[in-house]
Amino acid sequence: MSDNTSAPPAVWPLVALFTAGYVAPYLLPTVVGRLDAHLPLSPAQAGLVGTALLLGSATAGFTLASRIPRLGPRPLARLGLLLAALGYGTAASTSLLPLVVAGVVVGGFGSGTATAVTAAGIAGHRDPHRVSSLGLLSVSATAGALYLTLPHLGGGHGLPFAAIALVAALAWPATGRLGGPTRPGPAVRSSGRPPYPRAGAVLAGCLLLWSLTQEALWGVSGRIGAEQAGLSEAALGVVFAVALGAGLLGVTGASAFGTRLGRAVPIGAGTAAIAGCVVLTSSADGLTGFAAGEILWNAVYPVVLSYVIGLAAALDPRGRWAVFAGAASSLGTACGPVVGSLLAEAFGFPGMGLVLGGLLLAVAGPLTAVALHAGRSPAATAGATAGEPVLGGEVPAPAPGTGPAADAPVRVRRTPRRILLLTPTAARTRRAAAKERL
């Protein structure tokens, strides 16, 4: 009988694919800025092109969520990287607006495909939180290096797109360590939908709103610093650079600390802290308040995101909820800049911050509830390779060959005693033998 259980994927291919999939959203501010500066687009139109990129990424996640095991992570990853390289490369090599937009959409779908494969791979790993933390650390470092390098390489709208295409091409060798299509066993075929549908739906919906608030603030942070806090462009650059460094430190700390406190405390308390940072940043009228809000926000945000990714992975080891949650996050990110601009126009920057902070506090409760009552416990995550997550007080069965824990009680099944009925001849023979012994 064939074994349909695959080994957990290696870490570094997932980290490389994570970086290739997420680098485009991380570079979105400079992409939109250069489109506005070097193509016949207004700021709003350039923002819509960025939104189209993120919508293409979200479409890939929703389309591929249930198809990754059947189609195989390696072919899909290579397809995603190929689409990303071709799409972003086309957008970089031409100034014709229809081709630029088409390339952005195709490249966004490729980025979303790579992200979906990564999410499924993280879900099947022994330690999803560690892999997601390493992925966030890698993409943050890559984006930071590009932010520091691109301004010195010249102008033009195509340079950020060329950089994203190059990252996709560099990630191609990592796909050789990914698996091909798998033939699911009977247990997998019988489950037509992901486990824990209520918890997964709540997580995806909350993550959509959670990501929307982050991007809504990020989309107007430059305006807050320049118009309300009175900072120059150079001062804003320093603040954002320090904030990015704080994000790297936050991800490093989250990776080192792991899941010692579980997921509920980092997700709930971290989301509440982000809400405070949003209010502080949006109401800042000077360098101190603005810098404090931006730096603290960028330090906490990737930490919470790493635990949320681990929670989504724990809900379904096949990665379907992780892919759905990632697609919902991309959808929220795509809508964030528009929502931030509309709120700022309607209520001003401080009012916008209060609305976004209240929305974050509203989703913190459901996110914490999902983290408390669903997903693998830290102990189960450390010892299991794959399988259904533990919910409530259930105890997972040990993996083949592992045996019971040392302190677990061992139940011994006693077989019933057998009663022999002797024939009359055998009974007389036994009595005669007993008399002779006497």
Protein backbone atom coordinates (compact mmCIF):
# COMPACT_ATOMS: atom_id res chain seq x y z
CA MET A 1 0.00 0.00 0.00
CA SER A 2 1.46 3.38 -0.96
CA ASP A 3 2.11 6.04 1.60
CA ASN A 4 0.38 9.31 0.81
CA THR A 5 1.98 11.21 3.67
CA SER A 6 4.63 13.64 2.50
CA ALA A 7 7.53 14.84 4.58
CA PRO A 8 7.42 18.41 5.85
CA PRO A 9 8.89 20.77 3.24
CA ALA A 10 12.32 22.27 3.77
CA VAL A 11 12.49 25.73 5.32
CA TRP A 12 14.67 27.68 2.90
CA PRO A 13 12.58 27.03 -0.25
CA LEU A 14 9.49 28.29 1.58
CA VAL A 15 11.36 31.37 2.80
CA ALA A 16 12.58 32.11 -0.74
CA LEU A 17 9.09 31.68 -2.17
CA PHE A 18 7.62 33.77 0.67
CA THR A 19 10.04 36.59 -0.21
CA ALA A 20 9.22 36.44 -3.93
CA GLY A 21 5.49 36.52 -3.24
CA TYR A 22 5.42 39.31 -0.67
CA VAL A 23 8.09 41.69 -2.01
CA ALA A 24 5.62 43.36 -4.42
CA PRO A 25 3.18 44.49 -1.69
CA TYR A 26 6.13 45.64 0.43
CA LEU A 27 7.39 47.83 -2.42
CA LEU A 28 3.93 49.15 -3.29
CA PRO A 29 4.55 52.73 -2.02
CA THR A 30 7.57 53.24 -4.28
CA VAL A 31 5.79 51.48 -7.17
CA VAL A 32 2.79 53.80 -6.91
CA GLY A 33 4.99 56.86 -6.42
CA ARG A 34 7.02 56.16 -9.56
CA LEU A 35 3.93 55.42 -11.62
CA ASP A 36 2.55 58.79 -10.56
CA ALA A 37 5.83 60.60 -11.29
CA HIS A 38 6.83 59.03 -14.61
CA LEU A 39 3.59 58.02 -16.35
CA PRO A 40 0.56 60.10 -17.33
CA LEU A 41 -1.36 59.05 -14.22
CA SER A 42 -2.83 61.05 -11.38
CA PRO A 43 -2.06 59.95 -7.80
CA ALA A 44 -5.51 58.33 -7.58
CA GLN A 45 -5.01 56.48 -10.87
CA ALA A 46 -1.55 55.29 -9.82
CA GLY A 47 -3.10 54.03 -6.59
CA LEU A 48 -5.69 52.11 -8.61
CA VAL A 49 -2.88 50.37 -10.52
CA GLY A 50 -1.42 49.28 -7.18
CA THR A 51 -4.85 48.11 -6.12
CA ALA A 52 -5.10 46.04 -9.32
CA LEU A 53 -1.81 44.35 -8.39
CA LEU A 54 -3.12 43.37 -4.97
CA LEU A 55 -6.47 42.26 -6.35
CA GLY A 56 -4.66 39.97 -8.78
CA SER A 57 -2.76 38.50 -5.84
CA ALA A 58 -5.97 37.96 -3.87
CA THR A 59 -7.66 36.33 -6.89
CA ALA A 60 -4.84 33.80 -7.14
CA GLY A 61 -5.26 32.86 -3.48
CA PHE A 62 -9.02 32.35 -3.68
CA THR A 63 -8.66 30.39 -6.95
CA LEU A 64 -5.92 28.01 -5.82
CA ALA A 65 -6.83 27.42 -2.17
CA SER A 66 -8.22 23.90 -2.68
CA ARG A 67 -6.15 22.91 -5.73
CA ILE A 68 -2.58 23.00 -4.42
CA PRO A 69 -2.36 19.34 -3.24
CA ARG A 70 -3.83 18.06 -6.51
CA LEU A 71 -1.79 20.26 -8.85
CA GLY A 72 1.36 20.12 -6.74
CA PRO A 73 3.36 22.92 -5.09
CA ARG A 74 6.34 22.71 -7.47
CA PRO A 75 4.41 23.27 -10.75
CA LEU A 76 2.29 26.00 -9.19
CA ALA A 77 5.30 27.74 -7.64
CA ARG A 78 7.11 27.73 -10.97
CA LEU A 79 3.99 29.02 -12.73
CA GLY A 80 3.67 31.82 -10.19
CA LEU A 81 7.33 32.85 -10.45
CA LEU A 82 7.14 32.73 -14.26
CA LEU A 83 4.03 34.93 -14.31
CA ALA A 84 5.63 37.33 -11.82
CA ALA A 85 8.84 37.62 -13.86
CA LEU A 86 6.98 38.05 -17.16
CA GLY A 87 4.33 40.40 -15.81
CA TYR A 88 6.58 42.72 -13.83
CA GLY A 89 9.25 42.50 -16.53
CA THR A 90 6.71 43.65 -19.13
CA ALA A 91 5.60 46.53 -16.89
CA ALA A 92 9.25 47.55 -16.45
CA SER A 93 10.17 47.43 -20.13
CA THR A 94 7.42 49.58 -21.63
CA SER A 95 5.78 52.96 -21.16
CA LEU A 96 2.55 52.00 -22.91
CA LEU A 97 -0.06 52.32 -20.21
CA PRO A 98 -2.26 49.32 -21.25
CA LEU A 99 0.78 47.03 -21.28
CA VAL A 100 1.95 48.36 -17.91
CA VAL A 101 -1.45 47.70 -16.34
CA ALA A 102 -1.69 44.24 -17.93
CA GLY A 103 1.80 43.38 -16.73
CA VAL A 104 0.97 44.54 -13.21
CA VAL A 105 -2.16 42.39 -13.09
CA VAL A 106 -0.36 39.30 -14.44
CA GLY A 107 2.54 39.88 -12.08
CA GLY A 108 0.16 40.29 -9.17
CA PHE A 109 -1.48 36.95 -9.99
CA GLY A 110 1.98 35.38 -10.08
CA SER A 111 2.86 36.87 -6.69
CA GLY A 112 -0.41 35.59 -5.26
CA THR A 113 0.27 32.10 -6.65
CA ALA A 114 3.68 32.02 -4.98
CA THR A 115 2.14 33.26 -1.74
CA ALA A 116 -0.58 30.60 -1.86
CA VAL A 117 1.95 27.80 -2.34
CA THR A 118 4.01 29.21 0.52
CA ALA A 119 0.99 29.32 2.83
CA ALA A 120 0.16 25.69 2.09
CA GLY A 121 3.77 24.67 2.69
CA ILE A 122 3.95 26.55 5.98
CA ALA A 123 0.78 24.80 7.13
CA GLY A 124 2.38 21.41 6.55
CA HIS A 125 5.58 22.24 8.41
CA ARG A 126 6.44 21.16 11.95
CA ASP A 127 6.80 24.75 13.18
CA PRO A 128 4.66 27.15 11.11
CA HIS A 129 5.47 30.13 13.34
CA ARG A 130 9.21 29.75 12.84
CA VAL A 131 8.89 29.50 9.06
CA SER A 132 6.55 32.49 8.82
CA SER A 133 8.88 34.54 11.03
CA LEU A 134 11.87 33.69 8.85
CA GLY A 135 9.83 34.59 5.75
CA LEU A 136 8.84 37.96 7.18
CA LEU A 137 12.43 38.61 8.21
CA SER A 138 13.66 37.79 4.70
CA VAL A 139 11.11 39.91 2.86
CA SER A 140 11.60 42.83 5.26
CA ALA A 141 15.36 42.73 4.74
CA THR A 142 14.96 42.43 0.96
CA ALA A 143 12.49 45.31 0.79
CA GLY A 144 14.68 47.42 3.06
CA ALA A 145 17.71 46.84 0.86
CA LEU A 146 15.71 47.76 -2.24
CA TYR A 147 14.34 50.90 -0.59
CA LEU A 148 17.90 52.00 0.13
CA THR A 149 19.28 50.97 -3.28
CA LEU A 150 16.64 51.96 -5.84
CA PRO A 151 16.91 55.76 -5.35
CA HIS A 152 20.61 55.59 -6.33
CA LEU A 153 20.00 53.61 -9.54
CA GLY A 154 18.07 56.27 -11.43
CA GLY A 155 14.50 57.29 -12.13
CA GLY A 156 11.76 55.84 -14.25
CA HIS A 157 8.73 53.77 -13.39
CA GLY A 158 10.28 50.44 -14.39
CA LEU A 159 13.04 50.05 -11.82
CA PRO A 160 10.87 48.71 -8.94
CA PHE A 161 9.11 46.32 -11.33
CA ALA A 162 12.46 45.07 -12.61
CA ALA A 163 13.62 44.49 -9.02
CA ILE A 164 10.49 42.45 -8.22
CA ALA A 165 10.95 40.37 -11.38
CA LEU A 166 14.60 39.76 -10.43
CA VAL A 167 13.59 38.51 -6.98
CA ALA A 168 11.12 36.10 -8.62
CA ALA A 169 13.84 34.81 -10.94
CA LEU A 170 16.29 34.32 -8.06
CA ALA A 171 13.70 32.23 -6.20
CA TRP A 172 13.31 29.79 -9.11
CA PRO A 173 16.01 27.28 -7.97
CA ALA A 174 14.19 26.87 -4.64
CA THR A 175 11.22 25.27 -6.42
CA GLY A 176 13.29 22.16 -7.08
CA ARG A 177 12.92 21.24 -3.39
CA LEU A 178 9.13 21.40 -3.51
CA GLY A 179 6.91 18.39 -4.16
CA GLY A 180 4.85 17.51 -7.20
CA PRO A 181 1.18 16.55 -7.40
CA THR A 182 0.00 14.17 -4.70
CA ARG A 183 -2.63 11.51 -4.83
CA PRO A 184 -4.76 11.99 -1.71
CA GLY A 185 -5.67 9.00 0.37
CA PRO A 186 -9.22 7.96 1.29
CA ALA A 187 -9.27 10.15 4.42
CA VAL A 188 -8.35 13.21 2.38
CA ARG A 189 -10.86 12.47 -0.36
CA SER A 190 -13.69 12.18 2.12
CA SER A 191 -13.22 15.72 3.46
CA GLY A 192 -14.64 18.09 0.87
CA ARG A 193 -14.15 21.26 2.89
CA PRO A 194 -11.53 22.55 5.32
CA PRO A 195 -11.94 21.61 8.99
CA TYR A 196 -13.36 24.10 11.50
CA PRO A 197 -15.28 26.19 8.92
CA ARG A 198 -16.61 28.65 11.50
CA ALA A 199 -13.22 29.41 13.03
CA GLY A 200 -11.60 29.65 9.60
CA ALA A 201 -14.26 32.01 8.26
CA VAL A 202 -13.96 34.25 11.33
CA LEU A 203 -10.17 34.31 10.96
CA ALA A 204 -10.32 35.19 7.25
CA GLY A 205 -12.92 37.94 7.78
CA CYS A 206 -11.03 39.45 10.70
CA LEU A 207 -7.75 39.32 8.80
CA LEU A 208 -9.33 41.18 5.88
CA LEU A 209 -10.32 44.05 8.22
CA TRP A 210 -7.03 43.80 10.12
CA SER A 211 -4.98 44.21 6.93
CA LEU A 212 -7.28 46.95 5.66
CA THR A 213 -6.53 49.09 8.73
CA GLN A 214 -2.77 48.59 8.38
CA GLU A 215 -2.72 49.62 4.73
CA ALA A 216 -5.18 52.48 5.30
CA LEU A 217 -2.71 54.06 7.73
CA TRP A 218 0.33 53.23 5.58
CA GLY A 219 -1.30 54.83 2.55
CA VAL A 220 -1.58 58.24 4.27
CA SER A 221 1.43 58.08 6.62
CA GLY A 222 3.48 60.26 4.32
CA ARG A 223 0.75 62.90 4.23
CA ILE A 224 0.37 62.81 8.01
CA GLY A 225 4.10 63.36 8.50
CA ALA A 226 4.34 66.14 5.91
CA GLU A 227 1.05 67.99 6.38
CA GLN A 228 0.24 67.50 10.06
CA ALA A 229 3.58 66.79 11.74
CA GLY A 230 5.45 69.27 9.52
CA LEU A 231 8.35 66.97 8.58
CA SER A 232 10.54 67.36 5.54
CA GLU A 233 11.01 64.59 2.98
CA ALA A 234 14.44 63.80 4.43
CA ALA A 235 13.06 63.54 7.96
CA LEU A 236 10.25 61.29 6.76
CA GLY A 237 12.81 59.02 5.09
CA VAL A 238 14.76 58.69 8.33
CA VAL A 239 11.61 57.87 10.30
CA PHE A 240 10.53 55.20 7.83
CA ALA A 241 14.04 53.69 7.73
CA VAL A 242 14.16 53.42 11.53
CA ALA A 243 10.64 51.96 11.53
CA LEU A 244 11.72 49.30 9.05
CA GLY A 245 14.67 48.43 11.28
CA ALA A 246 12.30 48.12 14.23
CA GLY A 247 10.22 45.70 12.17
CA LEU A 248 13.28 43.52 11.59
CA LEU A 249 13.99 43.47 15.31
CA GLY A 250 10.37 42.62 16.07
CA VAL A 251 10.34 39.66 13.68
CA THR A 252 13.67 38.42 15.04
CA GLY A 253 12.33 38.55 18.59
CA ALA A 254 9.13 36.77 17.62
CA SER A 255 11.11 34.00 15.90
CA ALA A 256 13.36 33.53 18.93
CA PHE A 257 10.51 33.61 21.47
CA GLY A 258 8.33 31.19 19.53
CA THR A 259 4.99 30.04 20.92
CA ARG A 260 5.84 29.95 24.62
CA LEU A 261 2.78 32.06 25.38
CA GLY A 262 0.65 30.38 22.75
CA ARG A 263 -0.93 32.52 20.04
CA ALA A 264 -3.82 34.21 21.82
CA VAL A 265 -1.74 36.62 23.92
CA PRO A 266 0.52 37.89 21.08
CA ILE A 267 -2.42 38.25 18.68
CA GLY A 268 -4.85 39.90 21.11
CA ALA A 269 -2.41 42.13 22.98
CA GLY A 270 -0.47 42.93 19.81
CA THR A 271 -3.60 44.00 17.91
CA ALA A 272 -4.60 46.25 20.81
CA ALA A 273 -1.11 47.76 20.80
CA ILE A 274 -1.34 48.40 17.06
CA ALA A 275 -4.64 50.21 17.63
CA GLY A 276 -2.88 52.53 20.06
CA CYS A 277 -0.06 53.12 17.58
CA VAL A 278 -2.58 53.99 14.86
CA VAL A 279 -4.24 56.60 17.09
CA LEU A 280 -0.85 58.01 18.16
CA THR A 281 0.45 58.31 14.60
CA SER A 282 -2.69 59.85 13.14
CA SER A 283 -2.94 62.50 15.88
CA ALA A 284 0.77 63.42 15.94
CA ASP A 285 1.57 67.09 15.38
CA GLY A 286 5.36 66.85 15.65
CA LEU A 287 8.37 64.63 15.11
CA THR A 288 8.26 62.87 18.50
CA GLY A 289 4.69 61.61 18.32
CA PHE A 290 4.84 60.69 14.65
CA ALA A 291 8.15 58.83 14.96
CA ALA A 292 7.04 57.00 18.11
CA GLY A 293 3.80 55.84 16.50
CA GLU A 294 5.43 54.71 13.24
CA ILE A 295 8.33 52.89 14.91
CA LEU A 296 6.19 51.09 17.48
CA TRP A 297 3.62 50.18 14.85
CA ASN A 298 6.20 48.72 12.47
CA ALA A 299 7.81 46.80 15.34
CA VAL A 300 4.57 45.14 16.49
CA TYR A 301 2.79 44.61 13.15
CA PRO A 302 5.04 41.84 11.72
CA VAL A 303 5.12 40.10 15.10
CA VAL A 304 1.33 39.79 15.20
CA LEU A 305 1.24 38.82 11.52
CA SER A 306 3.65 35.92 12.11
CA TYR A 307 1.36 34.50 14.82
CA VAL A 308 -1.72 34.98 12.65
CA ILE A 309 -0.07 33.08 9.80
CA GLY A 310 0.81 30.28 12.24
CA LEU A 311 -2.80 30.18 13.49
CA ALA A 312 -4.19 29.94 9.96
CA ALA A 313 -1.73 27.14 9.23
CA ALA A 314 -2.77 25.26 12.36
CA LEU A 315 -6.46 25.27 11.40
CA ASP A 316 -5.81 23.01 8.41
CA PRO A 317 -2.53 21.15 7.81
CA ARG A 318 -3.37 21.01 4.09
CA GLY A 319 -3.06 24.79 4.03
CA ARG A 320 -6.50 25.73 2.74
CA TRP A 321 -7.33 28.16 5.53
CA ALA A 322 -3.83 29.62 5.34
CA VAL A 323 -4.35 30.33 1.63
CA PHE A 324 -7.86 31.73 2.18
CA ALA A 325 -6.59 33.95 5.00
CA GLY A 326 -3.70 35.19 2.87
CA ALA A 327 -6.07 36.01 0.01
CA ALA A 328 -8.40 37.84 2.41
CA SER A 329 -5.41 39.78 3.71
CA SER A 330 -4.45 40.77 0.14
CA LEU A 331 -8.02 41.90 -0.50
CA GLY A 332 -7.98 44.05 2.63
CA THR A 333 -4.60 45.45 1.69
CA ALA A 334 -5.91 46.36 -1.76
CA CYS A 335 -8.85 48.29 -0.30
CA GLY A 336 -6.82 49.95 2.48
CA PRO A 337 -5.43 53.02 0.65
CA VAL A 338 -8.85 53.97 -0.71
CA VAL A 339 -10.48 53.58 2.72
CA GLY A 340 -7.71 55.58 4.40
CA SER A 341 -8.05 58.44 1.92
CA LEU A 342 -11.84 58.54 2.24
CA LEU A 343 -11.70 58.52 6.05
CA ALA A 344 -9.04 61.23 6.08
CA GLU A 345 -11.14 63.43 3.81
CA ALA A 346 -14.27 62.87 5.88
CA PHE A 347 -12.93 63.07 9.46
CA GLY A 348 -9.38 64.37 9.19
CA PHE A 349 -6.29 62.41 10.18
CA PRO A 350 -7.13 62.18 13.94
CA GLY A 351 -10.69 61.06 13.20
CA MET A 352 -9.42 58.50 10.72
CA GLY A 353 -7.08 57.12 13.39
CA LEU A 354 -9.93 56.77 15.89
CA VAL A 355 -12.06 54.87 13.36
CA LEU A 356 -9.21 52.55 12.39
CA GLY A 357 -8.18 51.99 16.02
CA GLY A 358 -11.77 51.12 16.97
CA LEU A 359 -11.95 48.66 14.06
CA LEU A 360 -8.76 46.98 15.24
CA LEU A 361 -10.10 46.64 18.77
CA ALA A 362 -13.32 45.17 17.36
CA VAL A 363 -11.47 42.40 15.50
CA ALA A 364 -9.03 41.73 18.35
CA GLY A 365 -11.71 39.85 20.31
CA PRO A 366 -12.71 37.36 17.59
CA LEU A 367 -9.07 36.81 16.61
CA THR A 368 -8.18 36.03 20.22
CA ALA A 369 -11.17 33.68 20.53
CA VAL A 370 -10.06 31.71 17.45
CA ALA A 371 -6.51 31.54 18.81
CA LEU A 372 -7.78 30.28 22.19
CA HIS A 373 -10.17 27.60 21.00
CA ALA A 374 -8.77 26.41 17.67
CA GLY A 375 -5.48 25.32 16.21
CA ARG A 376 -2.66 23.18 17.47
CA SER A 377 -1.28 23.71 20.92
CA PRO A 378 2.44 24.57 21.04
CA ALA A 379 3.26 21.08 22.31
CA ALA A 380 1.34 19.40 19.55
CA THR A 381 2.89 21.64 16.93
CA ALA A 382 6.38 20.76 18.09
CA GLY A 383 5.83 17.04 17.95
CA ALA A 384 3.48 16.45 15.05
CA THR A 385 4.39 16.40 11.42
CA ALA A 386 0.95 16.68 9.91
CA GLY A 387 -2.60 15.91 10.84
CA GLU A 388 -5.74 17.53 12.10
CA PRO A 389 -5.27 20.34 14.61
CA VAL A 390 -6.19 19.92 18.23
CA LEU A 391 -9.40 21.64 19.22
CA GLY A 392 -10.39 22.09 22.84
CA GLY A 393 -9.28 19.16 24.93
CA GLU A 394 -8.65 16.62 22.17
CA VAL A 395 -5.36 14.73 22.26
CA PRO A 396 -3.76 13.83 18.92
CA ALA A 397 -2.76 10.27 18.21
CA PRO A 398 1.02 9.76 18.12
CA ALA A 399 2.71 9.56 14.76
CA PRO A 400 3.66 6.08 13.50
CA GLY A 401 6.73 4.78 15.28
CA THR A 402 6.80 7.42 17.99
CA GLY A 403 5.14 5.40 20.76
CA PRO A 404 3.34 6.78 23.83
CA ALA A 405 4.78 9.49 26.02
CA ALA A 406 6.85 8.43 29.01
CA ASP A 407 4.37 9.73 31.54
CA ALA A 408 1.23 8.58 29.74
CA PRO A 409 -0.75 5.74 31.33
CA VAL A 410 -0.60 2.49 29.40
CA ARG A 411 -3.82 0.50 29.20
CA VAL A 412 -3.36 -3.26 28.96
CA ARG A 413 -6.18 -5.21 27.41
CA ARG A 414 -6.79 -8.49 29.23
CA THR A 415 -8.15 -11.36 27.18
CA PRO A 416 -11.01 -13.37 28.72
CA ARG A 417 -10.24 -16.72 30.22
CA ARG A 418 -11.03 -19.73 28.09
CA ILE A 419 -13.24 -22.42 29.63
CA LEU A 420 -12.71 -25.93 28.27
CA LEU A 421 -15.65 -28.37 28.35
CA LEU A 422 -14.33 -31.96 28.50
CA THR A 423 -16.05 -34.90 26.89
CA PRO A 424 -17.19 -37.72 29.28
CA THR A 425 -14.32 -39.99 28.16
CA ALA A 426 -11.75 -37.26 28.72
CA ALA A 427 -13.23 -36.50 32.13
CA ARG A 428 -12.98 -40.16 33.23
CA THR A 429 -9.38 -40.33 32.01
CA ARG A 430 -8.44 -37.16 33.96
CA ARG A 431 -10.08 -38.50 37.19
CA ALA A 432 -8.24 -41.82 36.83
CA ALA A 433 -4.92 -40.02 36.42
CA ALA A 434 -5.63 -37.92 39.52
CA LYS A 435 -6.34 -41.09 41.61
CA GLU A 436 -3.05 -42.67 40.48
CA ARG A 437 -1.12 -39.57 41.59
CA LEU A 438 -2.69 -39.86 45.04
